[in-house]
Amino acid sequence: MTRVEFTRRINNLIAAMILEGEHPVIDYVKRSPEEQKRLFDAGLSKCDGVKVISKHQIGRAVDIYFIENDQIVEPRKGFEFWHMDWQNRGGAPIIEWDKGHFEG
């Protein structure tokens, strides 16, 4: 999947979320190697940014959070529902320890 395809598909997913009454916000779309290393060193990623490159570094991953009353919440339909929808659009399966992460 190219960055253009990823952008189109993630945009369609977010539109579907909104149509279903969700309130998604995007975070961490593109990361520098330095930022990826910082997250790896903090134990927040399994990709070190050098030997193991994150899809965020190549612009083919996004973290999606859901907001209700200015608080981050679980999506109304559940992460599993939205990841199945994402897989049907050609995206990668859910990462159980990082459910807000969507990659192509």
C-alpha atoms as a PDB file:
ATOM      1  CA  MET A   1       0.000   0.000   0.000  1.00  0.00           C
ATOM      2  CA  THR A   2       1.444   3.400  -0.962  1.00  0.00           C
ATOM      3  CA  ARG A   3       1.205   6.492   1.237  1.00  0.00           C
ATOM      4  CA  VAL A   4      -1.448   7.890  -1.096  1.00  0.00           C
ATOM      5  CA  GLU A   5      -3.499   4.681  -0.857  1.00  0.00           C
ATOM      6  CA  PHE A   6      -3.024   4.592   2.911  1.00  0.00           C
ATOM      7  CA  THR A   7      -4.182   8.210   3.211  1.00  0.00           C
ATOM      8  CA  ARG A   8      -7.266   7.546   1.094  1.00  0.00           C
ATOM      9  CA  ARG A   9      -8.199   4.388   2.996  1.00  0.00           C
ATOM     10  CA  ILE A  10      -7.620   5.835   6.468  1.00  0.00           C
ATOM     11  CA  ASN A  11      -9.615   8.898   5.469  1.00  0.00           C
ATOM     12  CA  ASN A  12     -12.516   6.657   4.424  1.00  0.00           C
ATOM     13  CA  LEU A  13     -12.246   4.724   7.695  1.00  0.00           C
ATOM     14  CA  ILE A  14     -12.390   7.911   9.756  1.00  0.00           C
ATOM     15  CA  ALA A  15     -15.391   9.110   7.725  1.00  0.00           C
ATOM     16  CA  ALA A  16     -17.122   5.771   8.441  1.00  0.00           C
ATOM     17  CA  MET A  17     -16.354   6.170  12.149  1.00  0.00           C
ATOM     18  CA  ILE A  18     -17.913   9.632  12.170  1.00  0.00           C
ATOM     19  CA  LEU A  19     -20.992   8.401  10.287  1.00  0.00           C
ATOM     20  CA  GLU A  20     -21.420   5.713  12.980  1.00  0.00           C
ATOM     21  CA  GLY A  21     -21.411   8.351  15.746  1.00  0.00           C
ATOM     22  CA  GLU A  22     -17.798   7.949  16.857  1.00  0.00           C
ATOM     23  CA  HIS A  23     -15.570  10.929  17.646  1.00  0.00           C
ATOM     24  CA  PRO A  24     -12.131   9.914  16.328  1.00  0.00           C
ATOM     25  CA  VAL A  25      -8.996  12.028  16.546  1.00  0.00           C
ATOM     26  CA  ILE A  26      -5.719  11.197  14.855  1.00  0.00           C
ATOM     27  CA  ASP A  27      -2.284  11.274  16.431  1.00  0.00           C
ATOM     28  CA  TYR A  28       1.246  10.215  15.499  1.00  0.00           C
ATOM     29  CA  VAL A  29       0.919  10.007  11.751  1.00  0.00           C
ATOM     30  CA  LYS A  30       4.583  10.562  10.798  1.00  0.00           C
ATOM     31  CA  ARG A  31       7.600  10.077  13.070  1.00  0.00           C
ATOM     32  CA  SER A  32      11.239  10.942  12.722  1.00  0.00           C
ATOM     33  CA  PRO A  33      13.850   8.280  13.547  1.00  0.00           C
ATOM     34  CA  GLU A  34      14.700  10.267  16.695  1.00  0.00           C
ATOM     35  CA  GLU A  35      11.094  10.314  17.904  1.00  0.00           C
ATOM     36  CA  GLN A  36      10.734   6.599  17.146  1.00  0.00           C
ATOM     37  CA  LYS A  37      13.892   5.856  19.153  1.00  0.00           C
ATOM     38  CA  ARG A  38      12.580   7.930  22.066  1.00  0.00           C
ATOM     39  CA  LEU A  39       9.340   5.906  22.097  1.00  0.00           C
ATOM     40  CA  PHE A  40      11.303   2.650  21.839  1.00  0.00           C
ATOM     41  CA  ASP A  41      13.574   3.654  24.735  1.00  0.00           C
ATOM     42  CA  ALA A  42      10.481   4.514  26.814  1.00  0.00           C
ATOM     43  CA  GLY A  43       9.047   1.036  26.135  1.00  0.00           C
ATOM     44  CA  LEU A  44       6.166   2.426  24.073  1.00  0.00           C
ATOM     45  CA  SER A  45       7.160   0.800  20.776  1.00  0.00           C
ATOM     46  CA  LYS A  46       8.839  -2.392  19.639  1.00  0.00           C
ATOM     47  CA  CYS A  47      10.453  -0.569  16.702  1.00  0.00           C
ATOM     48  CA  ASP A  48      13.772   1.152  17.455  1.00  0.00           C
ATOM     49  CA  GLY A  49      13.594   3.401  14.386  1.00  0.00           C
ATOM     50  CA  VAL A  50      16.918   2.182  12.975  1.00  0.00           C
ATOM     51  CA  LYS A  51      17.082  -1.619  12.804  1.00  0.00           C
ATOM     52  CA  VAL A  52      13.324  -2.053  12.999  1.00  0.00           C
ATOM     53  CA  ILE A  53      11.495   0.725  11.147  1.00  0.00           C
ATOM     54  CA  SER A  54       7.988   1.706  12.241  1.00  0.00           C
ATOM     55  CA  LYS A  55       5.233   2.186   9.671  1.00  0.00           C
ATOM     56  CA  HIS A  56       4.866   5.657  11.238  1.00  0.00           C
ATOM     57  CA  GLN A  57       8.317   6.521   9.906  1.00  0.00           C
ATOM     58  CA  ILE A  58       7.244   5.784   6.339  1.00  0.00           C
ATOM     59  CA  GLY A  59       3.854   7.478   6.647  1.00  0.00           C
ATOM     60  CA  ARG A  60       1.741   4.337   6.595  1.00  0.00           C
ATOM     61  CA  ALA A  61       0.441   4.248  10.172  1.00  0.00           C
ATOM     62  CA  VAL A  62      -1.757   6.423  12.339  1.00  0.00           C
ATOM     63  CA  ASP A  63      -2.899   6.235  15.932  1.00  0.00           C
ATOM     64  CA  ILE A  64      -6.625   6.890  16.331  1.00  0.00           C
ATOM     65  CA  TYR A  65      -8.162   7.827  19.664  1.00  0.00           C
ATOM     66  CA  PHE A  66     -11.795   8.437  20.516  1.00  0.00           C
ATOM     67  CA  ILE A  67     -13.040  11.420  22.501  1.00  0.00           C
ATOM     68  CA  GLU A  68     -16.187  11.882  24.587  1.00  0.00           C
ATOM     69  CA  ASN A  69     -16.598  14.904  26.880  1.00  0.00           C
ATOM     70  CA  ASP A  70     -12.941  15.848  26.377  1.00  0.00           C
ATOM     71  CA  GLN A  71     -11.799  12.418  27.602  1.00  0.00           C
ATOM     72  CA  ILE A  72     -10.162   9.570  25.686  1.00  0.00           C
ATOM     73  CA  VAL A  73     -12.581   6.620  25.682  1.00  0.00           C
ATOM     74  CA  GLU A  74     -13.048   3.254  24.025  1.00  0.00           C
ATOM     75  CA  PRO A  75     -14.852   3.546  20.686  1.00  0.00           C
ATOM     76  CA  ARG A  76     -18.592   2.905  20.945  1.00  0.00           C
ATOM     77  CA  LYS A  77     -18.371   0.013  18.479  1.00  0.00           C
ATOM     78  CA  GLY A  78     -15.110  -1.258  19.966  1.00  0.00           C
ATOM     79  CA  PHE A  79     -11.583  -1.389  18.591  1.00  0.00           C
ATOM     80  CA  GLU A  80     -12.124  -4.902  17.255  1.00  0.00           C
ATOM     81  CA  PHE A  81     -15.024  -3.690  15.079  1.00  0.00           C
ATOM     82  CA  TRP A  82     -12.971  -0.847  13.607  1.00  0.00           C
ATOM     83  CA  HIS A  83      -9.936  -3.034  13.013  1.00  0.00           C
ATOM     84  CA  MET A  84     -12.066  -5.578  11.153  1.00  0.00           C
ATOM     85  CA  ASP A  85     -13.413  -2.712   9.038  1.00  0.00           C
ATOM     86  CA  TRP A  86      -9.806  -1.564   8.472  1.00  0.00           C
ATOM     87  CA  GLN A  87      -8.727  -5.078   7.433  1.00  0.00           C
ATOM     88  CA  ASN A  88     -11.618  -5.181   4.967  1.00  0.00           C
ATOM     89  CA  ARG A  89     -10.148  -1.998   3.467  1.00  0.00           C
ATOM     90  CA  GLY A  90      -6.756  -3.697   3.057  1.00  0.00           C
ATOM     91  CA  GLY A  91      -5.195  -2.617   6.360  1.00  0.00           C
ATOM     92  CA  ALA A  92      -3.111  -4.669   8.781  1.00  0.00           C
ATOM     93  CA  PRO A  93      -4.685  -6.630  11.675  1.00  0.00           C
ATOM     94  CA  ILE A  94      -5.052  -5.258  15.183  1.00  0.00           C
ATOM     95  CA  ILE A  95      -2.012  -5.167  17.476  1.00  0.00           C
ATOM     96  CA  GLU A  96      -3.469  -6.293  20.799  1.00  0.00           C
ATOM     97  CA  TRP A  97      -1.146  -4.198  22.957  1.00  0.00           C
ATOM     98  CA  ASP A  98      -1.663  -1.074  20.775  1.00  0.00           C
ATOM     99  CA  LYS A  99      -5.314  -1.081  19.705  1.00  0.00           C
ATOM    100  CA  GLY A 100      -5.343   2.571  18.616  1.00  0.00           C
ATOM    101  CA  HIS A 101      -2.671   1.839  15.982  1.00  0.00           C
ATOM    102  CA  PHE A 102      -3.864   1.429  12.390  1.00  0.00           C
ATOM    103  CA  GLU A 103      -1.321   0.613   9.678  1.00  0.00           C
ATOM    104  CA  GLY A 104      -1.340  -0.255   6.020  1.00  0.00           C
END
